[in-house]
């Protein structure tokens, strides 16, 4: 569990990563993680689900991953 911005409620809420939505995919030669997130109904949430994509920080920061 964690906190993320819910696009349906338009606020930061308690969320959970769903196992069936997890995948590692290649995008333009970069290995990224795809995760399916849900706003927890058990905690009074709306139950909305959405996908997020995680890019390794060295690509975001422009660091060459081939260098040590």
C-alpha atoms as a PDB file:
ATOM      1  CA  UNK A   1       0.000   0.000   0.000  1.00  0.00           C
ATOM      2  CA  UNK A   2       1.059   3.544  -0.575  1.00  0.00           C
ATOM      3  CA  UNK A   3      -0.149   6.995  -1.470  1.00  0.00           C
ATOM      4  CA  UNK A   4      -0.736   8.179  -5.026  1.00  0.00           C
ATOM      5  CA  UNK A   5      -2.789  10.809  -6.798  1.00  0.00           C
ATOM      6  CA  UNK A   6      -6.186   9.392  -7.842  1.00  0.00           C
ATOM      7  CA  UNK A   7      -7.208  10.837 -11.234  1.00  0.00           C
ATOM      8  CA  UNK A   8     -10.865  10.164 -10.405  1.00  0.00           C
ATOM      9  CA  UNK A   9     -10.991  11.817  -6.950  1.00  0.00           C
ATOM     10  CA  UNK A  10      -8.383  14.478  -7.839  1.00  0.00           C
ATOM     11  CA  UNK A  11      -6.466  14.042  -4.557  1.00  0.00           C
ATOM     12  CA  UNK A  12      -3.724  11.934  -2.944  1.00  0.00           C
ATOM     13  CA  UNK A  13      -5.229   8.732  -1.516  1.00  0.00           C
ATOM     14  CA  UNK A  14      -4.335   5.285  -0.134  1.00  0.00           C
ATOM     15  CA  UNK A  15      -3.656   2.929  -3.051  1.00  0.00           C
ATOM     16  CA  UNK A  16      -2.609  -0.648  -3.702  1.00  0.00           C
ATOM     17  CA  UNK A  17      -0.634  -2.241  -6.554  1.00  0.00           C
ATOM     18  CA  UNK A  18      -2.533  -5.088  -8.220  1.00  0.00           C
ATOM     19  CA  UNK A  19      -0.410  -8.116  -9.138  1.00  0.00           C
ATOM     20  CA  UNK A  20      -2.219  -8.834 -12.419  1.00  0.00           C
ATOM     21  CA  UNK A  21      -1.191  -5.474 -13.869  1.00  0.00           C
ATOM     22  CA  UNK A  22       2.568  -5.798 -13.286  1.00  0.00           C
ATOM     23  CA  UNK A  23       4.851  -6.150 -16.302  1.00  0.00           C
ATOM     24  CA  UNK A  24       8.333  -5.167 -17.431  1.00  0.00           C
ATOM     25  CA  UNK A  25       8.261  -3.828 -20.958  1.00  0.00           C
ATOM     26  CA  UNK A  26      10.747  -2.310 -23.408  1.00  0.00           C
ATOM     27  CA  UNK A  27      10.018   1.226 -24.545  1.00  0.00           C
ATOM     28  CA  UNK A  28      12.483   2.775 -26.998  1.00  0.00           C
ATOM     29  CA  UNK A  29      15.220   0.480 -25.723  1.00  0.00           C
ATOM     30  CA  UNK A  30      14.568   1.234 -22.052  1.00  0.00           C
ATOM     31  CA  UNK A  31      13.237  -1.442 -19.678  1.00  0.00           C
ATOM     32  CA  UNK A  32      10.318   0.116 -17.747  1.00  0.00           C
ATOM     33  CA  UNK A  33       7.844  -1.249 -15.204  1.00  0.00           C
ATOM     34  CA  UNK A  34       4.101  -1.057 -15.702  1.00  0.00           C
ATOM     35  CA  UNK A  35       1.892  -1.328 -12.616  1.00  0.00           C
ATOM     36  CA  UNK A  36      -1.870  -1.355 -12.148  1.00  0.00           C
ATOM     37  CA  UNK A  37      -2.986   0.789  -9.199  1.00  0.00           C
ATOM     38  CA  UNK A  38      -6.348   0.883  -7.413  1.00  0.00           C
ATOM     39  CA  UNK A  39      -7.865   3.351  -4.970  1.00  0.00           C
ATOM     40  CA  UNK A  40      -8.762   1.131  -2.002  1.00  0.00           C
ATOM     41  CA  UNK A  41     -12.500   0.770  -1.457  1.00  0.00           C
ATOM     42  CA  UNK A  42     -11.782  -0.751   1.981  1.00  0.00           C
ATOM     43  CA  UNK A  43     -10.448   2.633   3.116  1.00  0.00           C
ATOM     44  CA  UNK A  44     -13.412   4.591   1.771  1.00  0.00           C
ATOM     45  CA  UNK A  45     -11.955   4.966  -1.729  1.00  0.00           C
ATOM     46  CA  UNK A  46     -13.694   5.079  -5.079  1.00  0.00           C
ATOM     47  CA  UNK A  47     -12.228   1.795  -6.429  1.00  0.00           C
ATOM     48  CA  UNK A  48     -10.882   3.477  -9.578  1.00  0.00           C
ATOM     49  CA  UNK A  49      -7.955   1.642 -11.253  1.00  0.00           C
ATOM     50  CA  UNK A  50      -5.250   3.070 -13.508  1.00  0.00           C
ATOM     51  CA  UNK A  51      -1.800   2.235 -14.870  1.00  0.00           C
ATOM     52  CA  UNK A  52       1.508   3.871 -13.941  1.00  0.00           C
ATOM     53  CA  UNK A  53       4.869   3.499 -15.650  1.00  0.00           C
ATOM     54  CA  UNK A  54       8.184   3.601 -13.770  1.00  0.00           C
ATOM     55  CA  UNK A  55      11.285   4.684 -15.666  1.00  0.00           C
ATOM     56  CA  UNK A  56      14.756   3.990 -14.171  1.00  0.00           C
ATOM     57  CA  UNK A  57      16.168   7.185 -12.658  1.00  0.00           C
ATOM     58  CA  UNK A  58      19.392   7.116 -14.686  1.00  0.00           C
ATOM     59  CA  UNK A  59      17.324   7.688 -17.844  1.00  0.00           C
ATOM     60  CA  UNK A  60      15.285  10.485 -16.262  1.00  0.00           C
ATOM     61  CA  UNK A  61      18.453  12.212 -15.017  1.00  0.00           C
ATOM     62  CA  UNK A  62      20.310  11.678 -18.318  1.00  0.00           C
ATOM     63  CA  UNK A  63      23.059   9.510 -16.810  1.00  0.00           C
ATOM     64  CA  UNK A  64      24.674   7.017 -19.173  1.00  0.00           C
ATOM     65  CA  UNK A  65      23.848   3.590 -17.639  1.00  0.00           C
ATOM     66  CA  UNK A  66      26.836   2.029 -19.425  1.00  0.00           C
ATOM     67  CA  UNK A  67      29.322   4.045 -17.372  1.00  0.00           C
ATOM     68  CA  UNK A  68      30.422   3.024 -13.890  1.00  0.00           C
END
